[in-house]
Amino acid sequence: MHDRKKVFELLRTNPEMNVKDIAKKLGFSVSKVYKIKQSSKSKKKRNLLFSNFYLYNLRHFIVLLKMKSSFDVENELFTKDTFNDEKLKEMGLSIDFSFITFGPSDIVIGVSSKDISEVKMFCNSLKCDFHHSLMDLDIIELVKPFTLPSDHDSLRYKV
């Protein structure tokens, strides 16, 4: 498992790297690297998710916001300049998705960036824009994708 992690960490930094170069850089045999890469391609869906996850050498984060009241979420979320495309480009990040939720967090925002410092800068701007209505803010880094077992549909209803 440790060798597998090394291969995928190297692919994360350079997704276009070929098997031969990976093997040379890590001191593995070409067949070993090939088998590791092939094992991740066993399911087409997983391979698509994996390649999208590591596309452009970006890291992926989830920003969780807890507001003081649900009224604040509806009223302020879309009136601020926080999500302006130009402002986001200047910070070096992109918004992948955003949701208003019920539960421990009121807003969930998926962010892609090359470095966590850019995400922290974005979070600081959120703190400034929502300073009077923001209760809490957390950042979670997504490490790697995975797929559920083939019978995941049956697992969904066992909860």
N, C-alpha and C. Protein backbone atom coordinates (compact mmCIF):
# COMPACT_ATOMS: atom_id res chain seq x y z
N MET A 1 0.82 -1.20 0.00
CA MET A 1 0.00 0.00 0.00
C MET A 1 0.87 1.27 0.00
N HIS A 2 2.01 1.20 0.66
CA HIS A 2 2.90 2.35 0.73
C HIS A 2 3.45 2.71 -0.66
N ASP A 3 3.78 1.71 -1.46
CA ASP A 3 4.28 1.96 -2.82
C ASP A 3 3.20 2.61 -3.68
N ARG A 4 1.99 2.14 -3.52
CA ARG A 4 0.85 2.68 -4.25
C ARG A 4 0.69 4.18 -3.94
N LYS A 5 0.82 4.51 -2.67
CA LYS A 5 0.69 5.91 -2.25
C LYS A 5 1.78 6.77 -2.89
N LYS A 6 3.00 6.24 -2.96
CA LYS A 6 4.10 6.99 -3.58
C LYS A 6 3.82 7.27 -5.05
N VAL A 7 3.31 6.27 -5.75
CA VAL A 7 3.00 6.43 -7.17
C VAL A 7 1.94 7.49 -7.37
N PHE A 8 0.87 7.44 -6.58
CA PHE A 8 -0.23 8.38 -6.77
C PHE A 8 0.13 9.78 -6.28
N GLU A 9 0.99 9.89 -5.30
CA GLU A 9 1.46 11.21 -4.86
C GLU A 9 2.29 11.85 -5.98
N LEU A 10 3.11 11.05 -6.65
CA LEU A 10 3.90 11.56 -7.77
C LEU A 10 2.98 11.96 -8.93
N LEU A 11 1.96 11.17 -9.18
CA LEU A 11 0.99 11.51 -10.22
C LEU A 11 0.22 12.78 -9.87
N ARG A 12 0.00 13.01 -8.60
CA ARG A 12 -0.70 14.22 -8.18
C ARG A 12 0.09 15.47 -8.57
N THR A 13 1.40 15.38 -8.45
CA THR A 13 2.23 16.54 -8.80
C THR A 13 2.46 16.66 -10.30
N ASN A 14 2.34 15.53 -11.02
CA ASN A 14 2.52 15.56 -12.47
C ASN A 14 1.64 14.47 -13.10
N PRO A 15 0.36 14.79 -13.35
CA PRO A 15 -0.59 13.79 -13.85
C PRO A 15 -0.24 13.19 -15.21
N GLU A 16 0.59 13.86 -15.99
CA GLU A 16 0.94 13.39 -17.33
C GLU A 16 2.17 12.49 -17.34
N MET A 17 2.76 12.23 -16.20
CA MET A 17 3.99 11.44 -16.13
C MET A 17 3.72 10.00 -16.59
N ASN A 18 4.63 9.45 -17.41
CA ASN A 18 4.43 8.09 -17.91
C ASN A 18 5.00 7.04 -16.94
N VAL A 19 4.64 5.80 -17.17
CA VAL A 19 5.02 4.69 -16.29
C VAL A 19 6.53 4.56 -16.15
N LYS A 20 7.23 4.68 -17.24
CA LYS A 20 8.69 4.53 -17.22
C LYS A 20 9.35 5.60 -16.34
N ASP A 21 8.91 6.84 -16.49
CA ASP A 21 9.48 7.94 -15.69
C ASP A 21 9.16 7.79 -14.21
N ILE A 22 7.95 7.34 -13.91
CA ILE A 22 7.56 7.11 -12.51
C ILE A 22 8.44 6.03 -11.90
N ALA A 23 8.61 4.94 -12.64
CA ALA A 23 9.43 3.83 -12.15
C ALA A 23 10.87 4.29 -11.88
N LYS A 24 11.42 5.06 -12.80
CA LYS A 24 12.79 5.55 -12.65
C LYS A 24 12.91 6.47 -11.44
N LYS A 25 11.97 7.37 -11.29
CA LYS A 25 12.02 8.35 -10.20
C LYS A 25 11.86 7.68 -8.83
N LEU A 26 11.02 6.64 -8.74
CA LEU A 26 10.76 5.98 -7.46
C LEU A 26 11.66 4.76 -7.22
N GLY A 27 12.39 4.34 -8.25
CA GLY A 27 13.23 3.15 -8.10
C GLY A 27 12.43 1.85 -8.13
N PHE A 28 11.28 1.88 -8.78
CA PHE A 28 10.44 0.70 -8.93
C PHE A 28 10.62 0.12 -10.32
N SER A 29 10.18 -1.12 -10.49
CA SER A 29 10.19 -1.70 -11.83
C SER A 29 9.02 -1.11 -12.62
N VAL A 30 9.16 -1.10 -13.93
CA VAL A 30 8.10 -0.58 -14.80
C VAL A 30 6.83 -1.41 -14.63
N SER A 31 6.99 -2.73 -14.50
CA SER A 31 5.80 -3.59 -14.36
C SER A 31 5.07 -3.32 -13.04
N LYS A 32 5.83 -3.02 -11.99
CA LYS A 32 5.20 -2.72 -10.69
C LYS A 32 4.35 -1.44 -10.79
N VAL A 33 4.90 -0.40 -11.40
CA VAL A 33 4.17 0.86 -11.56
C VAL A 33 2.95 0.66 -12.46
N TYR A 34 3.15 -0.12 -13.52
CA TYR A 34 2.04 -0.40 -14.45
C TYR A 34 0.90 -1.10 -13.70
N LYS A 35 1.22 -2.09 -12.88
CA LYS A 35 0.19 -2.81 -12.13
C LYS A 35 -0.54 -1.89 -11.14
N ILE A 36 0.22 -1.01 -10.50
CA ILE A 36 -0.40 -0.07 -9.56
C ILE A 36 -1.36 0.86 -10.29
N LYS A 37 -0.93 1.40 -11.43
CA LYS A 37 -1.80 2.29 -12.21
C LYS A 37 -3.02 1.54 -12.74
N GLN A 38 -2.81 0.31 -13.21
CA GLN A 38 -3.93 -0.47 -13.75
C GLN A 38 -4.95 -0.80 -12.67
N SER A 39 -4.48 -1.04 -11.45
CA SER A 39 -5.42 -1.38 -10.38
C SER A 39 -6.37 -0.23 -10.10
N SER A 40 -5.93 0.99 -10.32
CA SER A 40 -6.81 2.14 -10.12
C SER A 40 -7.79 2.31 -11.27
N LYS A 41 -7.50 1.69 -12.40
CA LYS A 41 -8.36 1.81 -13.58
C LYS A 41 -9.35 0.66 -13.69
N SER A 42 -9.44 -0.16 -12.65
CA SER A 42 -10.30 -1.34 -12.73
C SER A 42 -11.76 -0.97 -12.93
N LYS A 43 -12.13 0.18 -12.45
CA LYS A 43 -13.50 0.65 -12.67
C LYS A 43 -13.43 1.96 -13.43
N LYS A 44 -14.15 2.03 -14.53
CA LYS A 44 -14.13 3.22 -15.37
C LYS A 44 -14.54 4.46 -14.57
N LYS A 45 -15.58 4.32 -13.76
CA LYS A 45 -16.07 5.44 -12.97
C LYS A 45 -14.98 5.95 -12.02
N ARG A 46 -14.29 5.03 -11.38
CA ARG A 46 -13.23 5.42 -10.45
C ARG A 46 -12.11 6.15 -11.19
N ASN A 47 -11.75 5.65 -12.37
CA ASN A 47 -10.68 6.27 -13.13
C ASN A 47 -11.04 7.69 -13.53
N LEU A 48 -12.28 7.92 -13.94
CA LEU A 48 -12.72 9.25 -14.31
C LEU A 48 -12.66 10.18 -13.10
N LEU A 49 -13.14 9.71 -11.97
CA LEU A 49 -13.10 10.50 -10.75
C LEU A 49 -11.66 10.81 -10.37
N PHE A 50 -10.80 9.81 -10.47
CA PHE A 50 -9.40 9.99 -10.09
C PHE A 50 -8.72 11.01 -10.99
N SER A 51 -8.90 10.89 -12.30
CA SER A 51 -8.21 11.81 -13.20
C SER A 51 -8.75 13.22 -13.06
N ASN A 52 -10.04 13.39 -12.81
CA ASN A 52 -10.59 14.73 -12.58
C ASN A 52 -10.08 15.32 -11.27
N PHE A 53 -9.92 14.49 -10.27
CA PHE A 53 -9.48 14.95 -8.96
C PHE A 53 -8.07 15.52 -9.03
N TYR A 54 -7.21 14.92 -9.84
CA TYR A 54 -5.83 15.36 -9.92
C TYR A 54 -5.54 16.26 -11.12
N LEU A 55 -6.56 16.62 -11.85
CA LEU A 55 -6.40 17.45 -13.03
C LEU A 55 -5.79 18.80 -12.67
N TYR A 56 -4.85 19.25 -13.44
CA TYR A 56 -4.19 20.56 -13.29
C TYR A 56 -3.40 20.70 -12.00
N ASN A 57 -3.08 19.62 -11.35
CA ASN A 57 -2.27 19.66 -10.13
C ASN A 57 -2.89 20.56 -9.05
N LEU A 58 -4.21 20.54 -8.95
CA LEU A 58 -4.90 21.34 -7.95
C LEU A 58 -5.19 20.52 -6.71
N ARG A 59 -5.26 21.18 -5.59
CA ARG A 59 -5.70 20.56 -4.35
C ARG A 59 -7.15 20.98 -4.14
N HIS A 60 -7.91 20.14 -3.46
CA HIS A 60 -9.34 20.38 -3.31
C HIS A 60 -9.69 20.51 -1.83
N PHE A 61 -10.54 21.47 -1.54
CA PHE A 61 -10.92 21.78 -0.17
C PHE A 61 -12.42 21.97 -0.07
N ILE A 62 -12.93 21.78 1.13
CA ILE A 62 -14.31 22.12 1.43
C ILE A 62 -14.27 23.16 2.53
N VAL A 63 -14.97 24.25 2.32
CA VAL A 63 -15.08 25.31 3.32
C VAL A 63 -16.49 25.22 3.91
N LEU A 64 -16.56 25.11 5.22
CA LEU A 64 -17.84 24.99 5.93
C LEU A 64 -18.09 26.28 6.71
N LEU A 65 -19.26 26.87 6.51
CA LEU A 65 -19.61 28.10 7.20
C LEU A 65 -20.83 27.87 8.09
N LYS A 66 -20.77 28.34 9.30
CA LYS A 66 -21.92 28.31 10.21
C LYS A 66 -22.30 29.76 10.47
N MET A 67 -23.53 30.11 10.13
CA MET A 67 -23.99 31.48 10.29
C MET A 67 -24.79 31.60 11.60
N LYS A 68 -24.98 32.82 12.07
CA LYS A 68 -25.72 33.05 13.32
C LYS A 68 -27.20 32.72 13.17
N SER A 69 -27.75 32.93 11.96
CA SER A 69 -29.15 32.56 11.72
C SER A 69 -29.32 32.21 10.25
N SER A 70 -30.34 31.43 9.95
CA SER A 70 -30.58 31.03 8.56
C SER A 70 -30.98 32.25 7.72
N PHE A 71 -31.55 33.25 8.35
CA PHE A 71 -31.90 34.49 7.64
C PHE A 71 -30.65 35.14 7.06
N ASP A 72 -29.54 35.09 7.81
CA ASP A 72 -28.28 35.66 7.33
C ASP A 72 -27.81 34.97 6.05
N VAL A 73 -27.99 33.68 5.98
CA VAL A 73 -27.54 32.92 4.81
C VAL A 73 -28.28 33.40 3.57
N GLU A 74 -29.60 33.40 3.64
CA GLU A 74 -30.41 33.78 2.49
C GLU A 74 -30.18 35.24 2.10
N ASN A 75 -30.12 36.11 3.09
CA ASN A 75 -30.03 37.54 2.84
C ASN A 75 -28.69 37.99 2.29
N GLU A 76 -27.59 37.45 2.81
CA GLU A 76 -26.28 38.00 2.50
C GLU A 76 -25.45 37.21 1.50
N LEU A 77 -25.72 35.94 1.37
CA LEU A 77 -24.84 35.08 0.58
C LEU A 77 -24.60 35.61 -0.82
N PHE A 78 -25.64 36.02 -1.48
CA PHE A 78 -25.50 36.40 -2.88
C PHE A 78 -25.39 37.91 -3.10
N THR A 79 -25.35 38.68 -2.02
CA THR A 79 -25.24 40.13 -2.17
C THR A 79 -23.81 40.62 -2.04
N LYS A 80 -22.92 39.78 -1.60
CA LYS A 80 -21.52 40.17 -1.41
C LYS A 80 -20.71 39.91 -2.68
N ASP A 81 -19.56 40.56 -2.76
CA ASP A 81 -18.65 40.43 -3.90
C ASP A 81 -17.68 39.26 -3.72
N THR A 82 -17.89 38.46 -2.68
CA THR A 82 -16.98 37.36 -2.33
C THR A 82 -16.80 36.37 -3.47
N PHE A 83 -17.85 36.10 -4.21
CA PHE A 83 -17.82 35.06 -5.23
C PHE A 83 -17.61 35.62 -6.63
N ASN A 84 -17.12 36.84 -6.73
CA ASN A 84 -16.83 37.46 -8.00
C ASN A 84 -15.70 36.69 -8.70
N ASP A 85 -15.92 36.32 -9.96
CA ASP A 85 -14.94 35.51 -10.71
C ASP A 85 -13.56 36.16 -10.79
N GLU A 86 -13.53 37.47 -11.01
CA GLU A 86 -12.24 38.17 -11.09
C GLU A 86 -11.49 38.11 -9.76
N LYS A 87 -12.23 38.31 -8.70
CA LYS A 87 -11.63 38.26 -7.36
C LYS A 87 -11.08 36.87 -7.06
N LEU A 88 -11.83 35.84 -7.46
CA LEU A 88 -11.38 34.46 -7.24
C LEU A 88 -10.13 34.16 -8.06
N LYS A 89 -10.08 34.62 -9.31
CA LYS A 89 -8.89 34.41 -10.15
C LYS A 89 -7.67 35.07 -9.54
N GLU A 90 -7.85 36.27 -9.01
CA GLU A 90 -6.75 36.98 -8.36
C GLU A 90 -6.19 36.17 -7.19
N MET A 91 -7.08 35.47 -6.49
CA MET A 91 -6.66 34.65 -5.35
C MET A 91 -6.08 33.31 -5.79
N GLY A 92 -6.27 32.95 -7.07
CA GLY A 92 -5.74 31.70 -7.58
C GLY A 92 -6.58 30.48 -7.22
N LEU A 93 -7.89 30.66 -7.16
CA LEU A 93 -8.74 29.51 -6.85
C LEU A 93 -10.02 29.54 -7.64
N SER A 94 -10.72 28.42 -7.62
CA SER A 94 -12.01 28.34 -8.28
C SER A 94 -13.00 27.66 -7.35
N ILE A 95 -14.25 28.02 -7.50
CA ILE A 95 -15.33 27.42 -6.73
C ILE A 95 -15.87 26.26 -7.56
N ASP A 96 -15.84 25.05 -7.00
CA ASP A 96 -16.34 23.86 -7.70
C ASP A 96 -17.83 23.66 -7.48
N PHE A 97 -18.29 23.95 -6.27
CA PHE A 97 -19.70 23.81 -5.94
C PHE A 97 -19.99 24.60 -4.67
N SER A 98 -21.27 24.88 -4.44
CA SER A 98 -21.67 25.50 -3.18
C SER A 98 -23.11 25.07 -2.89
N PHE A 99 -23.38 24.87 -1.61
CA PHE A 99 -24.70 24.43 -1.16
C PHE A 99 -25.09 25.17 0.10
N ILE A 100 -26.37 25.46 0.23
CA ILE A 100 -26.93 25.88 1.51
C ILE A 100 -27.46 24.61 2.14
N THR A 101 -27.13 24.36 3.40
CA THR A 101 -27.48 23.10 4.05
C THR A 101 -28.19 23.35 5.38
N PHE A 102 -28.72 22.28 5.94
CA PHE A 102 -29.23 22.27 7.31
C PHE A 102 -28.34 21.33 8.09
N GLY A 103 -27.94 21.70 9.28
CA GLY A 103 -27.08 20.84 10.08
C GLY A 103 -25.98 21.64 10.73
N PRO A 104 -24.84 21.00 10.98
CA PRO A 104 -23.73 21.68 11.66
C PRO A 104 -23.18 22.88 10.87
N SER A 105 -23.34 22.86 9.55
CA SER A 105 -22.89 23.97 8.70
C SER A 105 -24.06 24.47 7.88
N ASP A 106 -24.08 25.76 7.63
CA ASP A 106 -25.15 26.35 6.82
C ASP A 106 -24.77 26.44 5.35
N ILE A 107 -23.47 26.58 5.10
CA ILE A 107 -22.99 26.71 3.72
C ILE A 107 -21.80 25.78 3.53
N VAL A 108 -21.79 25.05 2.43
CA VAL A 108 -20.68 24.18 2.06
C VAL A 108 -20.18 24.66 0.70
N ILE A 109 -18.87 24.95 0.63
CA ILE A 109 -18.29 25.46 -0.61
C ILE A 109 -17.10 24.57 -0.99
N GLY A 110 -17.11 24.03 -2.20
CA GLY A 110 -15.99 23.26 -2.72
C GLY A 110 -15.04 24.19 -3.46
N VAL A 111 -13.77 24.17 -3.07
CA VAL A 111 -12.78 25.09 -3.63
C VAL A 111 -11.58 24.31 -4.16
N SER A 112 -11.07 24.70 -5.33
CA SER A 112 -9.85 24.12 -5.87
C SER A 112 -8.78 25.19 -5.94
N SER A 113 -7.55 24.81 -5.58
CA SER A 113 -6.44 25.75 -5.57
C SER A 113 -5.14 24.97 -5.56
N LYS A 114 -4.05 25.62 -5.92
CA LYS A 114 -2.75 24.95 -5.90
C LYS A 114 -2.18 24.84 -4.49
N ASP A 115 -2.66 25.71 -3.59
CA ASP A 115 -2.08 25.72 -2.25
C ASP A 115 -3.12 26.16 -1.22
N ILE A 116 -2.99 25.69 -0.01
CA ILE A 116 -3.94 26.04 1.04
C ILE A 116 -3.87 27.52 1.40
N SER A 117 -2.75 28.18 1.15
CA SER A 117 -2.64 29.60 1.49
C SER A 117 -3.67 30.42 0.71
N GLU A 118 -3.96 30.02 -0.53
CA GLU A 118 -4.97 30.72 -1.34
C GLU A 118 -6.36 30.51 -0.75
N VAL A 119 -6.61 29.31 -0.25
CA VAL A 119 -7.90 29.01 0.37
C VAL A 119 -8.05 29.81 1.67
N LYS A 120 -6.97 29.92 2.43
CA LYS A 120 -7.01 30.71 3.66
C LYS A 120 -7.27 32.18 3.35
N MET A 121 -6.70 32.68 2.25
CA MET A 121 -6.95 34.06 1.85
C MET A 121 -8.44 34.24 1.51
N PHE A 122 -9.02 33.26 0.80
CA PHE A 122 -10.45 33.28 0.48
C PHE A 122 -11.28 33.28 1.77
N CYS A 123 -10.89 32.44 2.72
CA CYS A 123 -11.61 32.35 3.99
C CYS A 123 -11.52 33.65 4.77
N ASN A 124 -10.38 34.31 4.70
CA ASN A 124 -10.26 35.63 5.35
C ASN A 124 -11.20 36.64 4.72
N SER A 125 -11.37 36.56 3.40
CA SER A 125 -12.32 37.48 2.75
C SER A 125 -13.75 37.14 3.15
N LEU A 126 -14.05 35.86 3.34
CA LEU A 126 -15.38 35.47 3.83
C LEU A 126 -15.60 36.02 5.23
N LYS A 127 -14.58 35.92 6.08
CA LYS A 127 -14.69 36.44 7.45
C LYS A 127 -14.95 37.95 7.43
N CYS A 128 -14.29 38.66 6.52
CA CYS A 128 -14.51 40.11 6.42
C CYS A 128 -15.92 40.42 5.91
N ASP A 129 -16.33 39.72 4.84
CA ASP A 129 -17.64 39.98 4.23
C ASP A 129 -18.80 39.61 5.15
N PHE A 130 -18.63 38.58 5.95
CA PHE A 130 -19.71 38.09 6.81
C PHE A 130 -19.39 38.26 8.29
N HIS A 131 -18.56 39.24 8.63
CA HIS A 131 -18.05 39.37 10.01
C HIS A 131 -19.15 39.46 11.07
N HIS A 132 -20.27 40.09 10.77
CA HIS A 132 -21.31 40.22 11.78
C HIS A 132 -22.30 39.05 11.81
N SER A 133 -22.24 38.17 10.82
CA SER A 133 -23.20 37.06 10.81
C SER A 133 -22.54 35.67 10.81
N LEU A 134 -21.22 35.63 10.71
CA LEU A 134 -20.50 34.35 10.67
C LEU A 134 -20.16 33.88 12.09
N MET A 135 -20.57 32.65 12.40
CA MET A 135 -20.24 32.09 13.72
C MET A 135 -18.96 31.27 13.67
N ASP A 136 -18.82 30.46 12.61
CA ASP A 136 -17.69 29.55 12.56
C ASP A 136 -17.34 29.25 11.10
N LEU A 137 -16.07 28.91 10.87
CA LEU A 137 -15.59 28.58 9.54
C LEU A 137 -14.54 27.48 9.68
N ASP A 138 -14.67 26.43 8.88
CA ASP A 138 -13.70 25.33 8.88
C ASP A 138 -13.26 25.04 7.46
N ILE A 139 -12.03 24.56 7.34
CA ILE A 139 -11.49 24.13 6.04
C ILE A 139 -11.14 22.65 6.15
N ILE A 140 -11.58 21.88 5.18
CA ILE A 140 -11.25 20.45 5.10
C ILE A 140 -10.56 20.22 3.77
N GLU A 141 -9.41 19.53 3.79
CA GLU A 141 -8.76 19.18 2.52
C GLU A 141 -9.19 17.78 2.11
N LEU A 142 -9.57 17.64 0.85
CA LEU A 142 -9.90 16.33 0.30
C LEU A 142 -8.60 15.69 -0.13
N VAL A 143 -8.32 14.49 0.36
CA VAL A 143 -7.03 13.86 0.11
C VAL A 143 -7.05 13.02 -1.15
N LYS A 144 -8.02 12.14 -1.28
CA LYS A 144 -8.10 11.33 -2.49
C LYS A 144 -9.51 10.76 -2.63
N PRO A 145 -9.94 10.53 -3.87
CA PRO A 145 -11.26 9.95 -4.09
C PRO A 145 -11.25 8.45 -3.86
N PHE A 146 -12.42 7.90 -3.63
CA PHE A 146 -12.56 6.45 -3.55
C PHE A 146 -13.95 6.09 -4.01
N THR A 147 -14.13 4.84 -4.35
CA THR A 147 -15.45 4.40 -4.75
C THR A 147 -15.99 3.43 -3.72
N LEU A 148 -17.28 3.41 -3.60
CA LEU A 148 -17.93 2.48 -2.69
C LEU A 148 -17.93 1.08 -3.32
N PRO A 149 -18.16 0.04 -2.53
CA PRO A 149 -18.26 -1.30 -3.10
C PRO A 149 -19.36 -1.35 -4.14
N SER A 150 -19.31 -2.37 -5.01
CA SER A 150 -20.28 -2.46 -6.10
C SER A 150 -21.71 -2.53 -5.61
N ASP A 151 -21.92 -2.98 -4.38
CA ASP A 151 -23.28 -3.05 -3.86
C ASP A 151 -23.62 -1.82 -3.01
N HIS A 152 -23.02 -0.68 -3.36
CA HIS A 152 -23.23 0.53 -2.56
C HIS A 152 -24.68 0.98 -2.54
N ASP A 153 -25.48 0.64 -3.56
CA ASP A 153 -26.89 1.03 -3.54
C ASP A 153 -27.63 0.37 -2.39
N SER A 154 -27.26 -0.88 -2.09
CA SER A 154 -27.91 -1.56 -0.97
C SER A 154 -27.46 -0.97 0.36
N LEU A 155 -26.20 -0.46 0.42
CA LEU A 155 -25.69 0.15 1.65
C LEU A 155 -26.41 1.45 1.96
N ARG A 156 -26.79 2.14 0.93
CA ARG A 156 -27.43 3.45 1.08
C ARG A 156 -28.69 3.36 1.93
N TYR A 157 -29.42 2.25 1.87
CA TYR A 157 -30.69 2.14 2.57
C TYR A 157 -30.60 1.44 3.92
N LYS A 158 -29.40 1.04 4.34
CA LYS A 158 -29.24 0.35 5.62
C LYS A 158 -29.08 1.31 6.78
N VAL A 159 -28.94 2.59 6.51
CA VAL A 159 -28.69 3.57 7.57
C VAL A 159 -29.90 3.75 8.45
